[in-house]
Amino acid sequence: MIRVITTARLHGLEAGTLAALDCARQTGGAAGAAFGEHVREMYAFTDRLERAEATTSEVGAILSQAMKELSAAQQELLLKDIEIRRLRRELDRGPVEGESLTVLLHYGEPVAVYGSREDAHADTATHGQPAGHVWRPCGERPAAEFEWRCEAFIYDVGSNGFRRVHKSAPVVLGGAA
């Protein structure tokens, strides 16, 4: 079979081919633009996702640290509650015959009262006294002559109060009877 093609037919086919190529270019351009937009959206989504993961990780670390601090604070509160209960029982019990306490004096002026001499000595370290300071008996010299002095007192039921452990020697006044 032989087919005769005319110039008009060739021009028509050529015009159809050019129109099809133009349509294909436009469709390819639109597809490329859509693909580019899709890729940009994916990059933006991936970036947001990575930032969200980093934030979640950071918040997790902060929460973990906060939980540790909360646990430590609860433990400290529990210990303080136990100590408060012990001190309340001791306070409710009242003083016991022979129980002692120590008064810390600074140049003869009372600074604080402690349950033990060791606690009083430790407190002088907070005021600048060396921790390894050797404490010597004060004898009968006045308390005002010493920068730091610890005086022990014991509970005396008869007087319903505390008295000094070391009684000072009575001072004879010039001829008074």
Protein backbone atom coordinates (compact mmCIF):
# COMPACT_ATOMS: atom_id res chain seq x y z
CA MET A 1 0.00 0.00 0.00
CA ILE A 2 1.18 3.34 -0.99
CA ARG A 3 0.09 6.42 0.68
CA VAL A 4 0.41 9.84 -0.75
CA ILE A 5 1.10 12.60 1.75
CA THR A 6 0.48 16.14 0.83
CA THR A 7 2.26 19.21 2.10
CA ALA A 8 -0.84 20.35 3.90
CA ARG A 9 -1.04 17.01 5.63
CA LEU A 10 2.68 17.26 6.59
CA HIS A 11 2.13 20.77 7.95
CA GLY A 12 -0.88 19.48 9.91
CA LEU A 13 1.13 16.57 11.35
CA GLU A 14 4.02 18.91 12.14
CA ALA A 15 1.67 21.37 13.87
CA GLY A 16 0.11 18.50 15.84
CA THR A 17 3.56 17.24 16.82
CA LEU A 18 4.66 20.72 17.92
CA ALA A 19 1.43 21.14 19.91
CA ALA A 20 1.99 17.72 21.53
CA LEU A 21 5.62 18.65 22.37
CA ASP A 22 4.50 21.97 23.81
CA CYS A 23 1.85 20.22 25.88
CA ALA A 24 4.43 17.65 27.03
CA ARG A 25 6.83 20.49 28.02
CA GLN A 26 4.10 22.25 29.96
CA THR A 27 3.03 19.03 31.65
CA GLY A 28 6.71 18.18 32.44
CA GLY A 29 7.26 21.70 33.81
CA ALA A 30 4.14 21.46 35.96
CA ALA A 31 5.19 18.00 37.13
CA GLY A 32 8.70 19.31 37.91
CA ALA A 33 7.27 22.28 39.80
CA ALA A 34 4.91 19.98 41.73
CA PHE A 35 7.79 17.61 42.49
CA GLY A 36 9.98 20.54 43.60
CA GLU A 37 7.20 21.81 45.90
CA HIS A 38 6.75 18.30 47.24
CA VAL A 39 10.51 17.99 47.92
CA ARG A 40 10.54 21.43 49.68
CA GLU A 41 7.57 20.38 51.81
CA MET A 42 9.33 17.11 52.68
CA TYR A 43 12.50 18.98 53.68
CA ALA A 44 10.45 21.41 55.80
CA PHE A 45 8.54 18.52 57.37
CA THR A 46 11.80 16.62 58.04
CA ASP A 47 13.32 19.76 59.59
CA ARG A 48 10.29 20.25 61.86
CA LEU A 49 10.38 16.57 62.77
CA GLU A 50 14.10 16.72 63.65
CA ARG A 51 13.57 19.87 65.73
CA ALA A 52 10.62 18.22 67.49
CA GLU A 53 12.74 15.13 68.22
CA ALA A 54 15.58 17.31 69.56
CA THR A 55 13.13 19.28 71.70
CA THR A 56 11.56 16.05 72.95
CA SER A 57 14.99 14.71 73.83
CA GLU A 58 15.90 17.95 75.61
CA VAL A 59 12.60 18.02 77.50
CA GLY A 60 13.15 14.37 78.44
CA ALA A 61 16.58 15.20 79.86
CA ILE A 62 15.18 18.19 81.78
CA LEU A 63 12.32 16.05 83.10
CA SER A 64 14.74 13.32 84.14
CA GLN A 65 16.88 15.85 86.03
CA ALA A 66 13.78 17.37 87.62
CA MET A 67 12.64 13.92 88.74
CA LYS A 68 16.04 13.27 90.32
CA GLU A 69 15.90 16.63 92.12
CA LEU A 70 12.34 15.94 93.24
CA SER A 71 13.36 12.55 94.58
CA ALA A 72 16.28 14.11 96.47
CA ALA A 73 14.03 16.85 97.86
CA GLN A 74 11.44 14.28 98.96
CA GLN A 75 14.19 12.25 100.65
CA GLU A 76 15.45 15.39 102.40
CA LEU A 77 11.92 16.28 103.52
CA LEU A 78 11.42 12.77 104.84
CA LEU A 79 14.64 12.97 106.84
CA LYS A 80 13.69 16.40 108.18
CA ASP A 81 10.22 15.11 109.09
CA ILE A 82 11.81 12.23 111.00
CA GLU A 83 14.13 14.66 112.80
CA ILE A 84 11.22 16.98 113.64
CA ARG A 85 9.26 14.07 115.08
CA ARG A 86 12.27 13.01 117.15
CA LEU A 87 12.74 16.56 118.44
CA ARG A 88 9.03 16.85 119.26
CA ARG A 89 9.17 13.61 121.26
CA GLU A 90 12.24 14.92 123.06
CA LEU A 91 10.51 18.23 123.75
CA ASP A 92 7.34 16.51 124.97
CA ARG A 93 9.44 14.27 127.21
CA GLY A 94 10.85 17.30 129.03
CA PRO A 95 14.22 17.55 130.74
CA VAL A 96 15.65 14.53 132.54
CA GLU A 97 17.72 14.64 135.75
CA GLY A 98 21.42 14.86 134.84
CA GLU A 99 20.79 15.78 131.19
CA SER A 100 23.35 18.28 130.01
CA LEU A 101 23.55 21.01 127.44
CA THR A 102 26.32 23.36 126.38
CA VAL A 103 26.16 27.12 126.07
CA LEU A 104 28.57 28.71 123.61
CA LEU A 105 29.88 32.05 124.88
CA HIS A 106 31.69 34.71 122.86
CA TYR A 107 33.61 36.99 125.24
CA GLY A 108 31.17 36.00 127.97
CA GLU A 109 28.00 36.65 125.94
CA PRO A 110 25.80 33.62 125.12
CA VAL A 111 25.68 32.85 121.42
CA ALA A 112 23.74 29.58 121.27
CA VAL A 113 22.71 26.50 123.23
CA TYR A 114 23.67 23.02 122.00
CA GLY A 115 22.83 19.48 122.97
CA SER A 116 26.51 18.54 123.08
CA ARG A 117 29.92 20.13 123.46
CA GLU A 118 30.94 18.78 120.03
CA ASP A 119 28.07 20.67 118.37
CA ALA A 120 29.17 23.89 120.10
CA HIS A 121 32.78 23.36 119.00
CA ALA A 122 31.64 22.73 115.44
CA ASP A 123 29.69 26.00 115.46
CA THR A 124 32.76 27.99 116.48
CA ALA A 125 34.38 26.72 113.28
CA THR A 126 31.67 28.57 111.34
CA HIS A 127 32.72 31.75 113.16
CA GLY A 128 36.39 31.47 112.21
CA GLN A 129 37.76 29.27 115.00
CA PRO A 130 40.03 26.56 113.52
CA ALA A 131 38.28 23.19 113.35
CA GLY A 132 41.23 21.48 115.04
CA HIS A 133 41.32 23.96 117.93
CA VAL A 134 42.36 22.39 121.23
CA TRP A 135 39.91 23.37 123.95
CA ARG A 136 41.38 23.78 127.42
CA PRO A 137 39.62 24.10 130.75
CA CYS A 138 38.94 27.73 131.58
CA GLY A 139 39.38 27.43 135.30
CA GLU A 140 38.05 30.26 137.43
CA ARG A 141 38.91 33.09 135.03
CA PRO A 142 35.90 35.16 133.94
CA ALA A 143 34.18 34.10 130.71
CA ALA A 144 34.71 37.58 129.24
CA GLU A 145 38.47 36.89 129.03
CA PHE A 146 37.94 34.18 126.39
CA GLU A 147 37.00 34.72 122.77
CA TRP A 148 35.08 31.43 122.70
CA ARG A 149 34.10 29.43 125.74
CA CYS A 150 31.80 26.46 126.25
CA GLU A 151 29.96 26.12 129.54
CA ALA A 152 28.20 22.87 130.42
CA PHE A 153 24.91 22.89 132.33
CA ILE A 154 22.98 19.94 133.74
CA TYR A 155 19.32 19.68 134.61
CA ASP A 156 18.63 19.81 138.36
CA VAL A 157 15.16 18.54 139.34
CA GLY A 158 15.34 20.28 142.71
CA SER A 159 15.71 23.72 141.16
CA ASN A 160 13.55 22.84 138.15
CA GLY A 161 16.25 24.26 135.90
CA PHE A 162 19.80 23.92 134.68
CA ARG A 163 22.89 24.67 136.72
CA ARG A 164 26.56 24.94 135.80
CA VAL A 165 28.50 21.72 135.96
CA HIS A 166 31.59 23.45 137.33
CA LYS A 167 30.61 25.66 140.22
CA SER A 168 32.84 28.63 140.73
CA ALA A 169 34.53 29.05 144.07
CA PRO A 170 32.74 31.57 146.30
CA VAL A 171 34.43 34.95 146.23
CA VAL A 172 35.09 36.50 149.63
CA LEU A 173 34.04 40.09 149.58
CA GLY A 174 36.17 42.50 151.55
CA GLY A 175 35.11 41.74 155.13
CA ALA A 176 31.43 41.15 154.47
CA ALA A 177 29.84 38.49 156.61
